[in-house]
């Protein structure tokens, strides 16, 4: 293969630089690409400097100051009792149309048992429900979710409403006190 001959007075032509799609020359030695690389390196160093955590140097405690250790609480001291949850609002009852249907707890609804439906209390919770019109009370167990009607805090079984003498009223004011959480 022979070397190309150069014309006197003319320098050999350099290859054309590669160009990006925007027409900007892709020159890795000179030009704007070097500026972008420098900018990226500067940004990376700045971010790395922000991310690193400072080292905490602790000094040993002064031997002249005695360490204080608080004794563990006495086993004979009972924990503070929580105040019982008491709710006040409107109650309603449900009966025959729901008798025999499955409740949220999985058992069949029995309108003759002292049970209740509550939106949030754990299933199995025992409640003392008091009719505020006549002062009568009944203990019920939460076994279902409800009430579905707005403005009511609890749905009672027919038997519980009958014990409260509230069947004719349909909707009546009550105070609900949590007696015990469900058995584990």
Foldseek 3Di string as FASTA:
>chain_A
DDDDDDDPPDDDDDDDFDADPVRHGDDPPDDDVVVVVVVVVVVVVVVVVVPDDDDDDDDDDDPVDDDDDDDDDDPPDDDDDDDWDKDKFKEFEDEDVQAQPAAPQRDGDHLQAWAKAFADADFQWWKWKAFPVPGFIDIYGYHHHDDPDPGHGMYTRNNRCVSNVNNVVRMGIIMITTDGHHDD
